[in-house]
Amino acid sequence: MRGIRHKATVGQDKPMVETTGGFTSAGLAQEAQALVLPSLTQAQAIEIGEIGFAKASERALPIIVEVRLGDWTVFKVALPGSKPDNDSWVARKARVVTATGKSTMHVRVDAEERGVDWYAETGLSEELHAIHGGGLALKVAGSGLVGILLISGLPQVEDHLLGVEIITEYLARQGENA
């Protein structure tokens, strides 16, 4: 994962904060920087989705993989074992990424570290927004948020880590083709 480590850390004058999956907001911000894409076309977004589909298929994961460019869904697959309810999770996670420009795990961990109720703080409803891992911002260098990779069907830490693995593989492939 390009040198990114996920551990809870100890601040100099703050006690260690245990967060979902042992992630820290600083570590997730660093991870997001490592996952910035050089570009994102429709064909590239589909390739990201295909990588997710291949990984999920070979592991028989009961998930939905979706890739969006803006609000446009350019790739979506619901693998065996996924449920109709995963669609609402995907939509709720996408709204969080769109609203914040950050991964859903980053948003959740940041709220946990600060000890705040994110929904109350933002005025966004939990019915329409989910700060659960599996929504990853697809950012392009110099352009910011361009798309979203969404995973739903596993525990939230696993959804997030699979998303990171997919983007990391995509970036590695781009390096091979450079």
C-alpha atoms as a PDB file:
ATOM      1  CA  MET A   1       0.000   0.000   0.000  1.00  0.00           C
ATOM      2  CA  ARG A   2       2.759   2.374  -0.974  1.00  0.00           C
ATOM      3  CA  GLY A   3       4.252   2.622   2.500  1.00  0.00           C
ATOM      4  CA  ILE A   4       1.040   3.542   4.317  1.00  0.00           C
ATOM      5  CA  ARG A   5       0.715   1.984   7.765  1.00  0.00           C
ATOM      6  CA  HIS A   6      -2.501   1.940   9.746  1.00  0.00           C
ATOM      7  CA  LYS A   7      -1.926   2.227  13.482  1.00  0.00           C
ATOM      8  CA  ALA A   8      -3.247   4.330  16.294  1.00  0.00           C
ATOM      9  CA  THR A   9      -0.589   6.824  17.347  1.00  0.00           C
ATOM     10  CA  VAL A  10       0.224   8.655  20.538  1.00  0.00           C
ATOM     11  CA  GLY A  11       0.303  12.439  20.437  1.00  0.00           C
ATOM     12  CA  GLN A  12       2.892  14.198  22.612  1.00  0.00           C
ATOM     13  CA  ASP A  13       0.313  15.576  24.989  1.00  0.00           C
ATOM     14  CA  LYS A  14      -2.716  13.512  24.036  1.00  0.00           C
ATOM     15  CA  PRO A  15      -3.588   9.957  25.014  1.00  0.00           C
ATOM     16  CA  MET A  16      -3.810   7.363  22.260  1.00  0.00           C
ATOM     17  CA  VAL A  17      -7.152   7.492  20.476  1.00  0.00           C
ATOM     18  CA  GLU A  18      -8.544   4.121  19.443  1.00  0.00           C
ATOM     19  CA  THR A  19     -10.470   4.471  16.244  1.00  0.00           C
ATOM     20  CA  THR A  20     -12.165   2.156  13.809  1.00  0.00           C
ATOM     21  CA  GLY A  21      -9.566  -0.299  12.558  1.00  0.00           C
ATOM     22  CA  GLY A  22      -6.756   1.476  14.386  1.00  0.00           C
ATOM     23  CA  PHE A  23      -6.673   4.128  11.655  1.00  0.00           C
ATOM     24  CA  THR A  24      -5.752   7.737  12.387  1.00  0.00           C
ATOM     25  CA  SER A  25      -7.007  10.757  10.491  1.00  0.00           C
ATOM     26  CA  ALA A  26      -3.384  11.771   9.826  1.00  0.00           C
ATOM     27  CA  GLY A  27      -2.607   8.319   8.415  1.00  0.00           C
ATOM     28  CA  LEU A  28      -5.731   8.370   6.259  1.00  0.00           C
ATOM     29  CA  ALA A  29      -4.832  11.842   4.932  1.00  0.00           C
ATOM     30  CA  GLN A  30      -1.389  10.480   4.027  1.00  0.00           C
ATOM     31  CA  GLU A  31      -3.026   7.467   2.381  1.00  0.00           C
ATOM     32  CA  ALA A  32      -5.284   9.751   0.320  1.00  0.00           C
ATOM     33  CA  GLN A  33      -2.226  11.667  -0.923  1.00  0.00           C
ATOM     34  CA  ALA A  34      -0.554   8.395  -1.963  1.00  0.00           C
ATOM     35  CA  LEU A  35      -3.681   7.422  -3.926  1.00  0.00           C
ATOM     36  CA  VAL A  36      -3.998  10.594  -6.030  1.00  0.00           C
ATOM     37  CA  LEU A  37      -4.395   9.662  -9.697  1.00  0.00           C
ATOM     38  CA  PRO A  38      -2.590  11.319 -12.616  1.00  0.00           C
ATOM     39  CA  SER A  39      -5.878  11.352 -14.589  1.00  0.00           C
ATOM     40  CA  LEU A  40      -9.291   9.713 -14.614  1.00  0.00           C
ATOM     41  CA  THR A  41     -11.163   9.091 -17.839  1.00  0.00           C
ATOM     42  CA  GLN A  42     -14.243   6.956 -18.289  1.00  0.00           C
ATOM     43  CA  ALA A  43     -12.061   4.076 -19.552  1.00  0.00           C
ATOM     44  CA  GLN A  44      -9.749   4.418 -16.535  1.00  0.00           C
ATOM     45  CA  ALA A  45     -12.691   4.471 -14.120  1.00  0.00           C
ATOM     46  CA  ILE A  46     -13.991   1.277 -15.729  1.00  0.00           C
ATOM     47  CA  GLU A  47     -10.535  -0.295 -15.371  1.00  0.00           C
ATOM     48  CA  ILE A  48     -10.598   0.509 -11.638  1.00  0.00           C
ATOM     49  CA  GLY A  49     -14.000  -1.187 -11.429  1.00  0.00           C
ATOM     50  CA  GLU A  50     -12.721  -4.205 -13.350  1.00  0.00           C
ATOM     51  CA  ILE A  51      -9.795  -4.571 -10.934  1.00  0.00           C
ATOM     52  CA  GLY A  52     -12.297  -4.534  -8.067  1.00  0.00           C
ATOM     53  CA  PHE A  53     -14.492  -7.084  -9.828  1.00  0.00           C
ATOM     54  CA  ALA A  54     -11.524  -9.405 -10.457  1.00  0.00           C
ATOM     55  CA  LYS A  55     -10.314  -9.226  -6.847  1.00  0.00           C
ATOM     56  CA  ALA A  56     -13.799  -9.756  -5.445  1.00  0.00           C
ATOM     57  CA  SER A  57     -14.527 -12.623  -7.842  1.00  0.00           C
ATOM     58  CA  GLU A  58     -11.337 -14.522  -7.104  1.00  0.00           C
ATOM     59  CA  ARG A  59     -12.021 -14.175  -3.346  1.00  0.00           C
ATOM     60  CA  ALA A  60     -15.776 -14.878  -3.696  1.00  0.00           C
ATOM     61  CA  LEU A  61     -16.605 -11.654  -1.835  1.00  0.00           C
ATOM     62  CA  PRO A  62     -20.323 -10.830  -1.479  1.00  0.00           C
ATOM     63  CA  ILE A  63     -19.972  -7.162  -2.417  1.00  0.00           C
ATOM     64  CA  ILE A  64     -21.011  -4.392  -4.735  1.00  0.00           C
ATOM     65  CA  VAL A  65     -18.244  -2.515  -6.539  1.00  0.00           C
ATOM     66  CA  GLU A  66     -19.224   0.814  -8.055  1.00  0.00           C
ATOM     67  CA  VAL A  67     -17.172   3.553  -9.709  1.00  0.00           C
ATOM     68  CA  ARG A  68     -18.517   7.033 -10.402  1.00  0.00           C
ATOM     69  CA  LEU A  69     -17.259   9.967 -12.403  1.00  0.00           C
ATOM     70  CA  GLY A  70     -18.992  12.856 -10.708  1.00  0.00           C
ATOM     71  CA  ASP A  71     -22.581  11.650 -10.280  1.00  0.00           C
ATOM     72  CA  TRP A  72     -22.362   9.294 -13.260  1.00  0.00           C
ATOM     73  CA  THR A  73     -22.075   5.587 -12.435  1.00  0.00           C
ATOM     74  CA  VAL A  74     -19.691   4.210 -15.078  1.00  0.00           C
ATOM     75  CA  PHE A  75     -19.115   0.788 -13.495  1.00  0.00           C
ATOM     76  CA  LYS A  76     -21.199  -1.325 -11.157  1.00  0.00           C
ATOM     77  CA  VAL A  77     -21.302  -5.000 -10.326  1.00  0.00           C
ATOM     78  CA  ALA A  78     -23.187  -6.855  -7.605  1.00  0.00           C
ATOM     79  CA  LEU A  79     -21.388 -10.119  -6.908  1.00  0.00           C
ATOM     80  CA  PRO A  80     -23.117 -13.275  -5.659  1.00  0.00           C
ATOM     81  CA  GLY A  81     -24.015 -12.915  -2.005  1.00  0.00           C
ATOM     82  CA  SER A  82     -24.426  -9.138  -2.138  1.00  0.00           C
ATOM     83  CA  LYS A  83     -27.839  -7.837  -1.147  1.00  0.00           C
ATOM     84  CA  PRO A  84     -30.217  -5.148  -2.402  1.00  0.00           C
ATOM     85  CA  ASP A  85     -29.473  -3.235   0.839  1.00  0.00           C
ATOM     86  CA  ASN A  86     -25.879  -2.752  -0.385  1.00  0.00           C
ATOM     87  CA  ASP A  87     -27.245  -0.299  -2.974  1.00  0.00           C
ATOM     88  CA  SER A  88     -28.457   2.060  -0.249  1.00  0.00           C
ATOM     89  CA  TRP A  89     -25.114   1.773   1.563  1.00  0.00           C
ATOM     90  CA  VAL A  90     -23.277   2.660  -1.660  1.00  0.00           C
ATOM     91  CA  ALA A  91     -25.508   5.693  -2.203  1.00  0.00           C
ATOM     92  CA  ARG A  92     -25.098   6.869   1.401  1.00  0.00           C
ATOM     93  CA  LYS A  93     -21.301   6.478   1.273  1.00  0.00           C
ATOM     94  CA  ALA A  94     -21.152   8.315  -2.072  1.00  0.00           C
ATOM     95  CA  ARG A  95     -22.992  11.302  -0.579  1.00  0.00           C
ATOM     96  CA  VAL A  96     -20.385  11.555   2.200  1.00  0.00           C
ATOM     97  CA  VAL A  97     -17.457  11.483  -0.236  1.00  0.00           C
ATOM     98  CA  THR A  98     -19.189  14.061  -2.440  1.00  0.00           C
ATOM     99  CA  ALA A  99     -19.869  16.323   0.558  1.00  0.00           C
ATOM    100  CA  THR A 100     -16.375  16.083   2.067  1.00  0.00           C
ATOM    101  CA  GLY A 101     -13.960  15.082  -0.698  1.00  0.00           C
ATOM    102  CA  LYS A 102     -12.569  12.460   1.711  1.00  0.00           C
ATOM    103  CA  SER A 103     -12.922   8.728   2.156  1.00  0.00           C
ATOM    104  CA  THR A 104     -15.797   7.668   4.368  1.00  0.00           C
ATOM    105  CA  MET A 105     -13.299   5.994   6.708  1.00  0.00           C
ATOM    106  CA  HIS A 106     -11.338   9.253   6.997  1.00  0.00           C
ATOM    107  CA  VAL A 107     -14.511  11.168   7.850  1.00  0.00           C
ATOM    108  CA  ARG A 108     -15.513   8.580  10.467  1.00  0.00           C
ATOM    109  CA  VAL A 109     -12.084   8.369  12.105  1.00  0.00           C
ATOM    110  CA  ASP A 110     -11.765  12.167  12.191  1.00  0.00           C
ATOM    111  CA  ALA A 111     -15.140  12.428  13.967  1.00  0.00           C
ATOM    112  CA  GLU A 112     -14.144   9.665  16.409  1.00  0.00           C
ATOM    113  CA  GLU A 113     -10.821  11.343  17.198  1.00  0.00           C
ATOM    114  CA  ARG A 114     -12.549  14.666  17.839  1.00  0.00           C
ATOM    115  CA  GLY A 115     -15.345  12.993  19.834  1.00  0.00           C
ATOM    116  CA  VAL A 116     -18.115  14.570  17.776  1.00  0.00           C
ATOM    117  CA  ASP A 117     -21.346  13.349  16.224  1.00  0.00           C
ATOM    118  CA  TRP A 118     -20.608  13.981  12.548  1.00  0.00           C
ATOM    119  CA  TYR A 119     -24.278  13.947  11.587  1.00  0.00           C
ATOM    120  CA  ALA A 120     -25.168  16.577  14.198  1.00  0.00           C
ATOM    121  CA  GLU A 121     -22.075  18.641  13.357  1.00  0.00           C
ATOM    122  CA  THR A 122     -22.808  18.733   9.618  1.00  0.00           C
ATOM    123  CA  GLY A 123     -26.594  18.701   9.704  1.00  0.00           C
ATOM    124  CA  LEU A 124     -26.573  15.778   7.262  1.00  0.00           C
ATOM    125  CA  SER A 125     -28.911  12.893   7.977  1.00  0.00           C
ATOM    126  CA  GLU A 126     -27.761   9.366   8.741  1.00  0.00           C
ATOM    127  CA  GLU A 127     -30.628   8.111   6.572  1.00  0.00           C
ATOM    128  CA  LEU A 128     -28.938   9.634   3.502  1.00  0.00           C
ATOM    129  CA  HIS A 129     -25.257   9.572   4.553  1.00  0.00           C
ATOM    130  CA  ALA A 130     -23.036   6.780   5.905  1.00  0.00           C
ATOM    131  CA  ILE A 131     -19.658   7.408   7.481  1.00  0.00           C
ATOM    132  CA  HIS A 132     -18.731   3.738   7.155  1.00  0.00           C
ATOM    133  CA  GLY A 133     -15.620   2.557   5.327  1.00  0.00           C
ATOM    134  CA  GLY A 134     -15.856   1.713   1.638  1.00  0.00           C
ATOM    135  CA  GLY A 135     -16.273   5.088  -0.054  1.00  0.00           C
ATOM    136  CA  LEU A 136     -12.970   6.308  -1.500  1.00  0.00           C
ATOM    137  CA  ALA A 137     -12.401   9.632  -3.209  1.00  0.00           C
ATOM    138  CA  LEU A 138     -10.846   9.353  -6.663  1.00  0.00           C
ATOM    139  CA  LYS A 139      -8.794  12.539  -6.815  1.00  0.00           C
ATOM    140  CA  VAL A 140      -6.738  13.705  -9.763  1.00  0.00           C
ATOM    141  CA  ALA A 141      -3.572  15.747  -9.308  1.00  0.00           C
ATOM    142  CA  GLY A 142      -4.408  19.400  -9.957  1.00  0.00           C
ATOM    143  CA  SER A 143      -8.165  18.752 -10.272  1.00  0.00           C
ATOM    144  CA  GLY A 144      -9.313  17.404  -6.897  1.00  0.00           C
ATOM    145  CA  LEU A 145     -12.297  15.099  -6.517  1.00  0.00           C
ATOM    146  CA  VAL A 146     -13.277  13.634  -9.886  1.00  0.00           C
ATOM    147  CA  GLY A 147     -14.843  10.296  -8.969  1.00  0.00           C
ATOM    148  CA  ILE A 148     -15.625   7.783  -6.243  1.00  0.00           C
ATOM    149  CA  LEU A 149     -14.824   4.100  -5.730  1.00  0.00           C
ATOM    150  CA  LEU A 150     -17.479   2.411  -3.619  1.00  0.00           C
ATOM    151  CA  ILE A 151     -17.364  -0.996  -1.942  1.00  0.00           C
ATOM    152  CA  SER A 152     -20.208  -2.419   0.154  1.00  0.00           C
ATOM    153  CA  GLY A 153     -20.840  -5.828   1.654  1.00  0.00           C
ATOM    154  CA  LEU A 154     -17.919  -6.499   4.005  1.00  0.00           C
ATOM    155  CA  PRO A 155     -17.225  -5.070   7.459  1.00  0.00           C
ATOM    156  CA  GLN A 156     -16.333  -1.399   6.979  1.00  0.00           C
ATOM    157  CA  VAL A 157     -12.588  -1.747   7.594  1.00  0.00           C
ATOM    158  CA  GLU A 158     -12.415  -4.529   4.988  1.00  0.00           C
ATOM    159  CA  ASP A 159     -14.481  -2.462   2.525  1.00  0.00           C
ATOM    160  CA  HIS A 160     -11.983   0.395   2.936  1.00  0.00           C
ATOM    161  CA  LEU A 161      -8.881  -1.770   2.698  1.00  0.00           C
ATOM    162  CA  LEU A 162     -10.165  -3.476  -0.451  1.00  0.00           C
ATOM    163  CA  GLY A 163     -10.746  -0.057  -2.005  1.00  0.00           C
ATOM    164  CA  VAL A 164      -7.187   0.980  -1.152  1.00  0.00           C
ATOM    165  CA  GLU A 165      -5.881  -2.278  -2.613  1.00  0.00           C
ATOM    166  CA  ILE A 166      -7.819  -1.693  -5.854  1.00  0.00           C
ATOM    167  CA  ILE A 167      -6.563   1.874  -6.332  1.00  0.00           C
ATOM    168  CA  THR A 168      -3.014   0.817  -5.421  1.00  0.00           C
ATOM    169  CA  GLU A 169      -3.084  -1.925  -8.058  1.00  0.00           C
ATOM    170  CA  TYR A 170      -4.500   0.495 -10.619  1.00  0.00           C
ATOM    171  CA  LEU A 171      -1.684   2.981  -9.920  1.00  0.00           C
ATOM    172  CA  ALA A 172       0.917   0.199 -10.156  1.00  0.00           C
ATOM    173  CA  ARG A 173      -0.474  -0.799 -13.553  1.00  0.00           C
ATOM    174  CA  GLN A 174      -0.287   2.806 -14.709  1.00  0.00           C
ATOM    175  CA  GLY A 175       3.365   2.908 -13.679  1.00  0.00           C
ATOM    176  CA  GLU A 176       4.028  -0.247 -15.710  1.00  0.00           C
ATOM    177  CA  ASN A 177       2.406   1.348 -18.750  1.00  0.00           C
ATOM    178  CA  ALA A 178       4.268   4.678 -18.435  1.00  0.00           C
END
